[in-house]
C-alpha atoms as a PDB file:
ATOM      1  CA  GLN A   1     -38.858  11.283  80.582  1.00  0.00           C
ATOM      2  CA  VAL A   2     -40.501   9.057  83.011  1.00  0.00           C
ATOM      3  CA  GLN A   3     -44.136   8.094  82.291  1.00  0.00           C
ATOM      4  CA  LEU A   4     -46.514   5.671  83.890  1.00  0.00           C
ATOM      5  CA  GLN A   5     -49.816   4.704  82.471  1.00  0.00           C
ATOM      6  CA  GLU A   6     -52.561   2.606  84.086  1.00  0.00           C
ATOM      7  CA  SER A   7     -54.899   0.285  82.196  1.00  0.00           C
ATOM      8  CA  GLY A   8     -57.591  -2.242  83.119  1.00  0.00           C
ATOM      9  CA  PRO A   9     -61.256  -2.673  83.236  1.00  0.00           C
ATOM     10  CA  GLY A  10     -63.450   0.164  84.617  1.00  0.00           C
ATOM     11  CA  LEU A  11     -65.998  -2.111  86.140  1.00  0.00           C
ATOM     12  CA  VAL A  12     -65.558  -5.136  88.251  1.00  0.00           C
ATOM     13  CA  LYS A  13     -68.350  -7.492  89.666  1.00  0.00           C
ATOM     14  CA  PRO A  14     -68.345  -8.071  93.421  1.00  0.00           C
ATOM     15  CA  SER A  15     -66.356 -11.198  94.559  1.00  0.00           C
ATOM     16  CA  GLN A  16     -64.312 -11.096  91.329  1.00  0.00           C
ATOM     17  CA  SER A  17     -60.631 -10.238  91.078  1.00  0.00           C
ATOM     18  CA  LEU A  18     -59.445  -6.758  89.806  1.00  0.00           C
ATOM     19  CA  PHE A  19     -56.449  -6.680  87.393  1.00  0.00           C
ATOM     20  CA  LEU A  20     -54.525  -3.456  86.485  1.00  0.00           C
ATOM     21  CA  THR A  21     -51.468  -2.783  84.511  1.00  0.00           C
ATOM     22  CA  CYS A  22     -48.976  -0.063  84.768  1.00  0.00           C
ATOM     23  CA  THR A  23     -46.822   0.481  81.702  1.00  0.00           C
ATOM     24  CA  VAL A  24     -43.575   2.367  82.481  1.00  0.00           C
ATOM     25  CA  SER A  25     -41.499   4.379  79.896  1.00  0.00           C
ATOM     26  CA  GLY A  26     -38.362   6.341  80.428  1.00  0.00           C
ATOM     27  CA  GLY A  27     -36.485   3.633  82.406  1.00  0.00           C
ATOM     28  CA  SER A  28     -36.315  -0.102  83.027  1.00  0.00           C
ATOM     29  CA  ILE A  29     -38.243  -1.400  86.029  1.00  0.00           C
ATOM     30  CA  THR A  30     -35.367  -3.764  86.740  1.00  0.00           C
ATOM     31  CA  THR A  31     -32.539  -1.228  87.275  1.00  0.00           C
ATOM     32  CA  ALA A  32     -33.597   1.005  89.951  1.00  0.00           C
ATOM     33  CA  TYR A  33     -36.444   2.473  92.187  1.00  0.00           C
ATOM     34  CA  TYR A  34     -39.723   1.213  93.741  1.00  0.00           C
ATOM     35  CA  ARG A  35     -42.991   1.167  92.051  1.00  0.00           C
ATOM     36  CA  SER A  36     -46.393   1.353  93.921  1.00  0.00           C
ATOM     37  CA  TRP A  37     -50.025   0.996  93.605  1.00  0.00           C
ATOM     38  CA  ILE A  38     -51.991   3.588  95.494  1.00  0.00           C
ATOM     39  CA  ARG A  39     -55.712   4.193  95.441  1.00  0.00           C
ATOM     40  CA  GLN A  40     -58.162   6.795  96.583  1.00  0.00           C
ATOM     41  CA  SER A  41     -61.822   6.083  97.354  1.00  0.00           C
ATOM     42  CA  PRO A  42     -64.491   8.647  97.132  1.00  0.00           C
ATOM     43  CA  GLY A  43     -64.267  11.027 100.048  1.00  0.00           C
ATOM     44  CA  LYS A  44     -61.281   9.427 101.423  1.00  0.00           C
ATOM     45  CA  GLY A  45     -57.508   9.976 101.391  1.00  0.00           C
ATOM     46  CA  LEU A  46     -54.826   8.173  99.528  1.00  0.00           C
ATOM     47  CA  GLU A  47     -54.276   4.553 100.465  1.00  0.00           C
ATOM     48  CA  TRP A  48     -50.907   2.846  99.673  1.00  0.00           C
ATOM     49  CA  MET A  49     -51.617  -0.754  98.537  1.00  0.00           C
ATOM     50  CA  GLY A  50     -48.143  -2.216  98.044  1.00  0.00           C
ATOM     51  CA  VAL A  51     -44.826  -1.838  96.130  1.00  0.00           C
ATOM     52  CA  ILE A  52     -42.518  -3.769  93.870  1.00  0.00           C
ATOM     53  CA  ALA A  53     -38.823  -2.975  94.045  1.00  0.00           C
ATOM     54  CA  TYR A  54     -36.471  -3.074  91.073  1.00  0.00           C
ATOM     55  CA  SER A  55     -35.245  -6.423  92.431  1.00  0.00           C
ATOM     56  CA  GLY A  56     -38.656  -7.968  92.144  1.00  0.00           C
ATOM     57  CA  SER A  57     -39.334  -7.865  95.947  1.00  0.00           C
ATOM     58  CA  THR A  58     -42.803  -6.902  97.000  1.00  0.00           C
ATOM     59  CA  TYR A  59     -44.234  -5.312 100.216  1.00  0.00           C
ATOM     60  CA  TYR A  60     -47.854  -4.885 100.953  1.00  0.00           C
ATOM     61  CA  ASN A  61     -50.165  -2.732 103.129  1.00  0.00           C
ATOM     62  CA  PRO A  62     -51.061  -5.182 106.072  1.00  0.00           C
ATOM     63  CA  SER A  63     -54.707  -4.363 105.702  1.00  0.00           C
ATOM     64  CA  LEU A  64     -54.778  -5.527 102.123  1.00  0.00           C
ATOM     65  CA  LYS A  65     -52.085  -8.142 102.104  1.00  0.00           C
ATOM     66  CA  SER A  66     -54.428 -11.048 102.012  1.00  0.00           C
ATOM     67  CA  ARG A  67     -56.114  -9.914  98.771  1.00  0.00           C
ATOM     68  CA  THR A  68     -53.273  -8.138  96.959  1.00  0.00           C
ATOM     69  CA  SER A  69     -50.584  -9.344  94.716  1.00  0.00           C
ATOM     70  CA  ILE A  70     -48.162  -7.220  92.689  1.00  0.00           C
ATOM     71  CA  SER A  71     -45.984  -8.741  89.909  1.00  0.00           C
ATOM     72  CA  ARG A  72     -44.217  -7.642  86.743  1.00  0.00           C
ATOM     73  CA  ASP A  73     -43.464  -8.414  83.194  1.00  0.00           C
ATOM     74  CA  THR A  74     -39.939  -7.304  82.550  1.00  0.00           C
ATOM     75  CA  SER A  75     -40.173  -7.896  78.817  1.00  0.00           C
ATOM     76  CA  LYS A  76     -43.099  -5.329  78.548  1.00  0.00           C
ATOM     77  CA  ASN A  77     -41.592  -3.051  81.298  1.00  0.00           C
ATOM     78  CA  GLN A  78     -44.944  -3.351  83.198  1.00  0.00           C
ATOM     79  CA  PHE A  79     -46.092  -4.159  86.652  1.00  0.00           C
ATOM     80  CA  THR A  80     -49.435  -5.403  87.605  1.00  0.00           C
ATOM     81  CA  LEU A  81     -51.915  -5.327  90.456  1.00  0.00           C
ATOM     82  CA  GLN A  82     -54.239  -8.135  91.342  1.00  0.00           C
ATOM     83  CA  LEU A  83     -56.886  -7.480  94.044  1.00  0.00           C
ATOM     84  CA  SER A  84     -59.076 -10.458  94.813  1.00  0.00           C
ATOM     85  CA  SER A  85     -62.554 -10.697  96.365  1.00  0.00           C
ATOM     86  CA  VAL A  86     -63.471  -7.111  95.677  1.00  0.00           C
ATOM     87  CA  THR A  87     -66.403  -5.427  97.190  1.00  0.00           C
ATOM     88  CA  PRO A  88     -68.099  -1.989  96.471  1.00  0.00           C
ATOM     89  CA  GLU A  89     -65.705  -0.560  99.121  1.00  0.00           C
ATOM     90  CA  ASP A  90     -62.890  -1.180  96.548  1.00  0.00           C
ATOM     91  CA  THR A  91     -64.377   1.406  94.219  1.00  0.00           C
ATOM     92  CA  ALA A  92     -61.598   3.976  93.719  1.00  0.00           C
ATOM     93  CA  MET A  93     -59.207   5.731  91.474  1.00  0.00           C
ATOM     94  CA  TYR A  94     -56.180   3.582  91.300  1.00  0.00           C
ATOM     95  CA  TYR A  95     -52.746   5.010  90.676  1.00  0.00           C
ATOM     96  CA  CYS A  96     -49.367   3.490  89.806  1.00  0.00           C
ATOM     97  CA  ALA A  97     -46.401   5.566  91.003  1.00  0.00           C
ATOM     98  CA  ARG A  98     -42.557   5.587  91.197  1.00  0.00           C
ATOM     99  CA  GLN A  99     -40.704   6.271  94.330  1.00  0.00           C
ATOM    100  CA  ASN A 100     -36.884   6.813  94.479  1.00  0.00           C
ATOM    101  CA  SER A 101     -36.659   4.867  97.797  1.00  0.00           C
ATOM    102  CA  TYR A 102     -38.821   2.488  99.815  1.00  0.00           C
ATOM    103  CA  GLY A 103     -41.051   4.516 102.173  1.00  0.00           C
ATOM    104  CA  MET A 104     -40.492   7.834 100.305  1.00  0.00           C
ATOM    105  CA  ALA A 105     -43.339   9.808  98.683  1.00  0.00           C
ATOM    106  CA  PRO A 106     -43.757   9.111  95.000  1.00  0.00           C
ATOM    107  CA  VAL A 107     -42.051  11.271  92.582  1.00  0.00           C
ATOM    108  CA  TYR A 108     -43.849  10.202  89.460  1.00  0.00           C
ATOM    109  CA  TRP A 109     -47.579   9.341  89.037  1.00  0.00           C
ATOM    110  CA  GLY A 110     -49.722   7.797  86.448  1.00  0.00           C
ATOM    111  CA  GLN A 111     -52.915   9.694  85.619  1.00  0.00           C
ATOM    112  CA  GLY A 112     -55.097   7.117  87.351  1.00  0.00           C
ATOM    113  CA  THR A 113     -57.782   4.822  86.342  1.00  0.00           C
ATOM    114  CA  GLN A 114     -61.323   4.596  87.816  1.00  0.00           C
ATOM    115  CA  VAL A 115     -62.401   1.186  88.945  1.00  0.00           C
ATOM    116  CA  THR A 116     -66.071   0.640  90.081  1.00  0.00           C
ATOM    117  CA  VAL A 117     -67.173  -2.481  91.854  1.00  0.00           C
ATOM    118  CA  SER A 118     -70.750  -3.193  91.093  1.00  0.00           C
ATOM    119  CA  SER A 119     -73.126  -5.967  89.935  1.00  0.00           C
END
């Protein structure tokens, strides 16, 4: 059974970096599929932030590319999100998800983790 679980701090100060981890169970992150970070700000729709392929290749939303980095720890079957120079506009529910192919809608989602940017 595929499961994804986000973890990280719930509160980040403006100008700092946000770090979130997604722990994956039910399959190795190196053998197949694509895994994304997606967020939803209050009152807004879902925003795709970026994806890491099973090969380790990464692709980012152009609007966030300059501040976003996705990496992985294959020994722990985890992938991580780093978002730098955060502002209150980065306050959102952050989700990790798995897609069967690049560009397709996610099939599996984590439960999400709330991140608030505030001093």
